[in-house]
Amino acid sequence: LLERFKLDQGKEPQHYAIGFKELWQVPKEQHQS
């Protein structure tokens, strides 16, 4: 749709990052809610 309707005309290019995430269960004594 951006290309068809030229919605980004006159705008700077979009910039991106890649985000990594892991979910861990850690020992109680190392956890600080």
All heavy atoms as atom14 arrays in JSON, in Angstrom:
{
  "sequence": "LLERFKLDQGKEPQHYAIGFKELWQVPKEQHQS",
  "atom14_mask": [
    [1, 1, 1, 1, 1, 1, 1, 1, 0, 0, 0, 0, 0, 0],
    [1, 1, 1, 1, 1, 1, 1, 1, 0, 0, 0, 0, 0, 0],
    [1, 1, 1, 1, 1, 1, 1, 1, 1, 0, 0, 0, 0, 0],
    [1, 1, 1, 1, 1, 1, 1, 1, 1, 1, 1, 0, 0, 0],
    [1, 1, 1, 1, 1, 1, 1, 1, 1, 1, 1, 0, 0, 0],
    [1, 1, 1, 1, 1, 1, 1, 1, 1, 0, 0, 0, 0, 0],
    [1, 1, 1, 1, 1, 1, 1, 1, 0, 0, 0, 0, 0, 0],
    [1, 1, 1, 1, 1, 1, 1, 1, 0, 0, 0, 0, 0, 0],
    [1, 1, 1, 1, 1, 1, 1, 1, 1, 0, 0, 0, 0, 0],
    [1, 1, 1, 1, 0, 0, 0, 0, 0, 0, 0, 0, 0, 0],
    [1, 1, 1, 1, 1, 1, 1, 1, 1, 0, 0, 0, 0, 0],
    [1, 1, 1, 1, 1, 1, 1, 1, 1, 0, 0, 0, 0, 0],
    [1, 1, 1, 1, 1, 1, 1, 0, 0, 0, 0, 0, 0, 0],
    [1, 1, 1, 1, 1, 1, 1, 1, 1, 0, 0, 0, 0, 0],
    [1, 1, 1, 1, 1, 1, 1, 1, 1, 1, 0, 0, 0, 0],
    [1, 1, 1, 1, 1, 1, 1, 1, 1, 1, 1, 1, 0, 0],
    [1, 1, 1, 1, 1, 0, 0, 0, 0, 0, 0, 0, 0, 0],
    [1, 1, 1, 1, 1, 1, 1, 1, 0, 0, 0, 0, 0, 0],
    [1, 1, 1, 1, 0, 0, 0, 0, 0, 0, 0, 0, 0, 0],
    [1, 1, 1, 1, 1, 1, 1, 1, 1, 1, 1, 0, 0, 0],
    [1, 1, 1, 1, 1, 1, 1, 1, 1, 0, 0, 0, 0, 0],
    [1, 1, 1, 1, 1, 1, 1, 1, 1, 0, 0, 0, 0, 0],
    [1, 1, 1, 1, 1, 1, 1, 1, 0, 0, 0, 0, 0, 0],
    [1, 1, 1, 1, 1, 1, 1, 1, 1, 1, 1, 1, 1, 1],
    [1, 1, 1, 1, 1, 1, 1, 1, 1, 0, 0, 0, 0, 0],
    [1, 1, 1, 1, 1, 1, 1, 0, 0, 0, 0, 0, 0, 0],
    [1, 1, 1, 1, 1, 1, 1, 0, 0, 0, 0, 0, 0, 0],
    [1, 1, 1, 1, 1, 1, 1, 1, 1, 0, 0, 0, 0, 0],
    [1, 1, 1, 1, 1, 1, 1, 1, 1, 0, 0, 0, 0, 0],
    [1, 1, 1, 1, 1, 1, 1, 1, 1, 0, 0, 0, 0, 0],
    [1, 1, 1, 1, 1, 1, 1, 1, 1, 1, 0, 0, 0, 0],
    [1, 1, 1, 1, 1, 1, 1, 1, 1, 0, 0, 0, 0, 0],
    [1, 1, 1, 1, 1, 1, 0, 0, 0, 0, 0, 0, 0, 0]
  ],
  "atom14_positions": [
    [[0.82, -1.21, 0.0], [0.0, 0.0, 0.0], [0.86, 1.26, 0.0], [0.51, 2.26, -0.64], [-0.94, -0.02, 1.2], [-2.01, -1.11, 1.17], [-2.62, -1.31, 2.55], [-3.09, -0.76, 0.14], [0.0, 0.0, 0.0], [0.0, 0.0, 0.0], [0.0, 0.0, 0.0], [0.0, 0.0, 0.0], [0.0, 0.0, 0.0], [0.0, 0.0, 0.0]],
    [[1.98, 1.23, 0.71], [2.91, 2.36, 0.69], [3.34, 2.67, -0.74], [3.38, 3.83, -1.15], [4.14, 2.04, 1.55], [3.98, 2.15, 3.07], [5.2, 1.54, 3.75], [3.84, 3.6, 3.5], [0.0, 0.0, 0.0], [0.0, 0.0, 0.0], [0.0, 0.0, 0.0], [0.0, 0.0, 0.0], [0.0, 0.0, 0.0], [0.0, 0.0, 0.0]],
    [[3.66, 1.61, -1.47], [4.13, 1.79, -2.85], [3.0, 2.2, -3.78], [3.16, 3.12, -4.59], [4.78, 0.5, -3.35], [5.35, 0.6, -4.74], [6.05, -0.68, -5.17], [6.19, -1.61, -4.35], [6.46, -0.76, -6.35], [0.0, 0.0, 0.0], [0.0, 0.0, 0.0], [0.0, 0.0, 0.0], [0.0, 0.0, 0.0], [0.0, 0.0, 0.0]],
    [[1.86, 1.55, -3.66], [0.75, 1.82, -4.59], [0.24, 3.25, -4.47], [0.0, 3.94, -5.47], [-0.39, 0.85, -4.32], [-1.58, 1.03, -5.27], [-2.72, 0.09, -4.91], [-3.84, 0.22, -5.82], [-4.13, -0.62, -6.79], [-3.34, -1.68, -7.01], [-5.18, -0.44, -7.57], [0.0, 0.0, 0.0], [0.0, 0.0, 0.0], [0.0, 0.0, 0.0]],
    [[0.1, 3.72, -3.21], [-0.47, 5.05, -2.99], [0.6, 6.11, -2.7], [0.25, 7.25, -2.37], [-1.48, 5.0, -1.84], [-2.72, 4.2, -2.16], [-2.94, 2.99, -1.53], [-3.65, 4.66, -3.08], [-4.09, 2.24, -1.8], [-4.79, 3.92, -3.37], [-5.01, 2.71, -2.73], [0.0, 0.0, 0.0], [0.0, 0.0, 0.0], [0.0, 0.0, 0.0]],
    [[1.89, 5.7, -2.81], [3.0, 6.63, -2.58], [2.86, 7.35, -1.23], [3.05, 8.56, -1.12], [3.1, 7.64, -3.73], [3.41, 6.99, -5.07], [3.51, 8.01, -6.2], [4.02, 7.39, -7.49], [3.23, 6.24, -7.94], [0.0, 0.0, 0.0], [0.0, 0.0, 0.0], [0.0, 0.0, 0.0], [0.0, 0.0, 0.0], [0.0, 0.0, 0.0]],
    [[2.54, 6.57, -0.21], [2.26, 7.13, 1.11], [3.52, 7.67, 1.79], [3.42, 8.5, 2.71], [1.61, 6.08, 2.0], [0.29, 5.49, 1.49], [-0.2, 4.38, 2.42], [-0.78, 6.58, 1.35], [0.0, 0.0, 0.0], [0.0, 0.0, 0.0], [0.0, 0.0, 0.0], [0.0, 0.0, 0.0], [0.0, 0.0, 0.0], [0.0, 0.0, 0.0]],
    [[4.69, 7.19, 1.36], [5.93, 7.66, 1.97], [6.66, 8.69, 1.11], [7.83, 9.0, 1.37], [6.85, 6.49, 2.28], [7.13, 5.62, 1.05], [6.56, 5.9, -0.02], [7.91, 4.65, 1.17], [0.0, 0.0, 0.0], [0.0, 0.0, 0.0], [0.0, 0.0, 0.0], [0.0, 0.0, 0.0], [0.0, 0.0, 0.0], [0.0, 0.0, 0.0]],
    [[5.97, 9.22, 0.12], [6.6, 10.22, -0.74], [6.96, 11.46, 0.08], [6.15, 12.0, 0.84], [5.65, 10.61, -1.88], [6.29, 11.42, -2.98], [5.37, 11.56, -4.18], [4.17, 11.81, -4.03], [5.9, 11.37, -5.37], [0.0, 0.0, 0.0], [0.0, 0.0, 0.0], [0.0, 0.0, 0.0], [0.0, 0.0, 0.0], [0.0, 0.0, 0.0]],
    [[8.2, 11.92, -0.1], [8.66, 13.09, 0.63], [9.1, 12.8, 2.05], [9.48, 13.73, 2.78], [0.0, 0.0, 0.0], [0.0, 0.0, 0.0], [0.0, 0.0, 0.0], [0.0, 0.0, 0.0], [0.0, 0.0, 0.0], [0.0, 0.0, 0.0], [0.0, 0.0, 0.0], [0.0, 0.0, 0.0], [0.0, 0.0, 0.0], [0.0, 0.0, 0.0]],
    [[9.06, 11.54, 2.46], [9.46, 11.15, 3.81], [10.87, 10.54, 3.78], [11.35, 10.06, 2.75], [8.49, 10.13, 4.4], [7.05, 10.61, 4.43], [6.84, 11.71, 5.44], [5.36, 12.08, 5.54], [5.13, 13.12, 6.58], [0.0, 0.0, 0.0], [0.0, 0.0, 0.0], [0.0, 0.0, 0.0], [0.0, 0.0, 0.0], [0.0, 0.0, 0.0]],
    [[11.53, 10.55, 4.92], [12.79, 9.84, 5.03], [12.53, 8.34, 5.05], [11.43, 7.9, 5.39], [13.54, 10.26, 6.3], [14.05, 11.68, 6.23], [14.99, 12.02, 7.37], [15.26, 11.14, 8.21], [15.44, 13.18, 7.41], [0.0, 0.0, 0.0], [0.0, 0.0, 0.0], [0.0, 0.0, 0.0], [0.0, 0.0, 0.0], [0.0, 0.0, 0.0]],
    [[13.52, 7.53, 4.65], [13.29, 6.08, 4.68], [13.04, 5.59, 6.1], [13.61, 6.14, 7.06], [14.6, 5.5, 4.11], [15.62, 6.57, 4.3], [14.87, 7.87, 4.17], [0.0, 0.0, 0.0], [0.0, 0.0, 0.0], [0.0, 0.0, 0.0], [0.0, 0.0, 0.0], [0.0, 0.0, 0.0], [0.0, 0.0, 0.0], [0.0, 0.0, 0.0]],
    [[12.17, 4.61, 6.21], [11.96, 4.0, 7.52], [13.25, 3.31, 7.96], [13.98, 2.75, 7.14], [10.82, 2.98, 7.45], [10.44, 2.36, 8.78], [9.95, 3.38, 9.78], [10.73, 3.86, 10.6], [8.67, 3.72, 9.71], [0.0, 0.0, 0.0], [0.0, 0.0, 0.0], [0.0, 0.0, 0.0], [0.0, 0.0, 0.0], [0.0, 0.0, 0.0]],
    [[13.53, 3.36, 9.25], [14.7, 2.66, 9.8], [14.22, 1.58, 10.75], [13.14, 1.67, 11.34], [15.63, 3.64, 10.5], [16.28, 4.61, 9.56], [17.33, 4.26, 8.73], [16.01, 5.9, 9.27], [17.69, 5.3, 8.0], [16.89, 6.31, 8.3], [0.0, 0.0, 0.0], [0.0, 0.0, 0.0], [0.0, 0.0, 0.0], [0.0, 0.0, 0.0]],
    [[15.06, 0.55, 10.87], [14.65, -0.65, 11.59], [15.75, -1.15, 12.51], [16.93, -0.81, 12.35], [14.29, -1.77, 10.61], [13.21, -1.44, 9.63], [13.5, -0.87, 8.39], [11.87, -1.7, 9.92], [12.5, -0.57, 7.48], [10.86, -1.4, 9.01], [11.19, -0.83, 7.79], [10.19, -0.53, 6.89], [0.0, 0.0, 0.0], [0.0, 0.0, 0.0]],
    [[15.36, -1.98, 13.44], [16.28, -2.76, 14.25], [15.73, -4.18, 14.32], [14.56, -4.42, 14.01], [16.41, -2.17, 15.66], [0.0, 0.0, 0.0], [0.0, 0.0, 0.0], [0.0, 0.0, 0.0], [0.0, 0.0, 0.0], [0.0, 0.0, 0.0], [0.0, 0.0, 0.0], [0.0, 0.0, 0.0], [0.0, 0.0, 0.0], [0.0, 0.0, 0.0]],
    [[16.59, -5.11, 14.71], [16.1, -6.44, 15.06], [16.22, -6.59, 16.56], [17.27, -6.28, 17.16], [16.86, -7.57, 14.32], [16.3, -8.94, 14.76], [18.37, -7.48, 14.52], [16.83, -10.11, 13.98], [0.0, 0.0, 0.0], [0.0, 0.0, 0.0], [0.0, 0.0, 0.0], [0.0, 0.0, 0.0], [0.0, 0.0, 0.0], [0.0, 0.0, 0.0]],
    [[15.13, -7.0, 17.18], [15.11, -7.18, 18.62], [15.03, -8.66, 18.98], [14.17, -9.38, 18.47], [0.0, 0.0, 0.0], [0.0, 0.0, 0.0], [0.0, 0.0, 0.0], [0.0, 0.0, 0.0], [0.0, 0.0, 0.0], [0.0, 0.0, 0.0], [0.0, 0.0, 0.0], [0.0, 0.0, 0.0], [0.0, 0.0, 0.0], [0.0, 0.0, 0.0]],
    [[15.95, -9.12, 19.82], [15.95, -10.5, 20.32], [15.41, -10.5, 21.75], [15.64, -9.57, 22.52], [17.36, -11.08, 20.34], [17.98, -11.24, 18.99], [18.65, -10.19, 18.4], [17.9, -12.44, 18.31], [19.23, -10.32, 17.15], [18.48, -12.59, 17.06], [19.14, -11.53, 16.48], [0.0, 0.0, 0.0], [0.0, 0.0, 0.0], [0.0, 0.0, 0.0]],
    [[14.74, -11.57, 22.09], [14.25, -11.71, 23.46], [14.23, -13.18, 23.85], [13.86, -14.04, 23.06], [12.84, -11.14, 23.6], [12.22, -11.34, 24.99], [10.8, -10.82, 25.07], [10.17, -11.12, 26.42], [8.78, -10.64, 26.52], [0.0, 0.0, 0.0], [0.0, 0.0, 0.0], [0.0, 0.0, 0.0], [0.0, 0.0, 0.0], [0.0, 0.0, 0.0]],
    [[14.65, -13.42, 25.08], [14.48, -14.73, 25.71], [13.77, -14.54, 27.05], [13.99, -13.54, 27.74], [15.82, -15.42, 25.94], [16.51, -15.85, 24.66], [17.88, -16.44, 24.88], [18.4, -16.38, 26.03], [18.44, -16.96, 23.91], [0.0, 0.0, 0.0], [0.0, 0.0, 0.0], [0.0, 0.0, 0.0], [0.0, 0.0, 0.0], [0.0, 0.0, 0.0]],
    [[12.94, -15.5, 27.39], [12.27, -15.51, 28.69], [12.92, -16.59, 29.54], [13.06, -17.75, 29.09], [10.78, -15.79, 28.51], [9.89, -15.63, 29.74], [9.86, -14.17, 30.18], [8.48, -16.13, 29.44], [0.0, 0.0, 0.0], [0.0, 0.0, 0.0], [0.0, 0.0, 0.0], [0.0, 0.0, 0.0], [0.0, 0.0, 0.0], [0.0, 0.0, 0.0]],
    [[13.34, -16.21, 30.74], [14.05, -17.12, 31.64], [13.3, -17.25, 32.98], [12.7, -16.29, 33.45], [15.45, -16.58, 31.94], [16.44, -16.76, 30.83], [16.41, -16.19, 29.59], [17.63, -17.55, 30.88], [17.49, -16.57, 28.86], [18.27, -17.4, 29.62], [18.23, -18.35, 31.85], [19.47, -18.04, 29.31], [19.43, -18.99, 31.55], [20.04, -18.84, 30.3]],
    [[13.37, -18.45, 33.54], [12.99, -18.67, 34.93], [14.28, -18.72, 35.74], [15.15, -19.57, 35.49], [12.23, -20.0, 35.09], [11.68, -20.25, 36.48], [10.38, -19.52, 36.72], [9.45, -19.58, 35.92], [10.3, -18.81, 37.85], [0.0, 0.0, 0.0], [0.0, 0.0, 0.0], [0.0, 0.0, 0.0], [0.0, 0.0, 0.0], [0.0, 0.0, 0.0]],
    [[14.45, -17.81, 36.67], [15.73, -17.7, 37.37], [15.56, -18.04, 38.85], [14.44, -17.99, 39.39], [16.33, -16.27, 37.22], [16.51, -15.93, 35.75], [15.47, -15.23, 37.92], [0.0, 0.0, 0.0], [0.0, 0.0, 0.0], [0.0, 0.0, 0.0], [0.0, 0.0, 0.0], [0.0, 0.0, 0.0], [0.0, 0.0, 0.0], [0.0, 0.0, 0.0]],
    [[16.66, -18.4, 39.52], [16.57, -18.7, 40.95], [16.0, -17.52, 41.75], [16.27, -16.36, 41.44], [18.02, -18.99, 41.34], [18.66, -19.48, 40.07], [18.01, -18.68, 38.98], [0.0, 0.0, 0.0], [0.0, 0.0, 0.0], [0.0, 0.0, 0.0], [0.0, 0.0, 0.0], [0.0, 0.0, 0.0], [0.0, 0.0, 0.0], [0.0, 0.0, 0.0]],
    [[15.26, -17.85, 42.78], [14.55, -16.85, 43.56], [15.48, -15.78, 44.11], [15.16, -14.58, 44.12], [13.79, -17.54, 44.69], [12.96, -16.6, 45.55], [12.2, -17.38, 46.62], [11.37, -16.45, 47.49], [10.62, -17.2, 48.54], [0.0, 0.0, 0.0], [0.0, 0.0, 0.0], [0.0, 0.0, 0.0], [0.0, 0.0, 0.0], [0.0, 0.0, 0.0]],
    [[16.67, -16.19, 44.55], [17.58, -15.23, 45.17], [18.19, -14.26, 44.16], [18.79, -13.24, 44.54], [18.7, -15.97, 45.91], [19.59, -16.84, 45.04], [19.04, -18.25, 44.84], [17.84, -18.48, 45.16], [19.82, -19.12, 44.39], [0.0, 0.0, 0.0], [0.0, 0.0, 0.0], [0.0, 0.0, 0.0], [0.0, 0.0, 0.0], [0.0, 0.0, 0.0]],
    [[18.05, -14.54, 42.87], [18.59, -13.65, 41.83], [17.51, -12.76, 41.22], [17.79, -11.96, 40.33], [19.25, -14.48, 40.72], [20.48, -15.23, 41.17], [20.91, -16.34, 40.25], [21.56, -17.3, 40.67], [20.56, -16.25, 38.98], [0.0, 0.0, 0.0], [0.0, 0.0, 0.0], [0.0, 0.0, 0.0], [0.0, 0.0, 0.0], [0.0, 0.0, 0.0]],
    [[16.29, -12.9, 41.69], [15.17, -12.19, 41.08], [14.79, -10.97, 41.9], [14.71, -11.03, 43.13], [13.97, -13.13, 40.95], [12.82, -12.54, 40.21], [11.69, -12.04, 40.84], [12.63, -12.35, 38.89], [10.85, -11.59, 39.94], [11.4, -11.75, 38.74], [0.0, 0.0, 0.0], [0.0, 0.0, 0.0], [0.0, 0.0, 0.0], [0.0, 0.0, 0.0]],
    [[14.59, -9.85, 41.21], [14.17, -8.6, 41.87], [12.97, -8.04, 41.12], [13.13, -7.31, 40.14], [15.32, -7.59, 41.88], [16.57, -8.06, 42.61], [17.67, -7.02, 42.59], [17.41, -5.83, 42.75], [18.89, -7.47, 42.39], [0.0, 0.0, 0.0], [0.0, 0.0, 0.0], [0.0, 0.0, 0.0], [0.0, 0.0, 0.0], [0.0, 0.0, 0.0]],
    [[11.79, -8.4, 41.52], [10.57, -8.04, 40.81], [10.51, -6.54, 40.52], [10.69, -5.72, 41.42], [9.35, -8.46, 41.62], [8.15, -8.13, 40.93], [0.0, 0.0, 0.0], [0.0, 0.0, 0.0], [0.0, 0.0, 0.0], [0.0, 0.0, 0.0], [0.0, 0.0, 0.0], [0.0, 0.0, 0.0], [0.0, 0.0, 0.0], [0.0, 0.0, 0.0]]
  ]
}
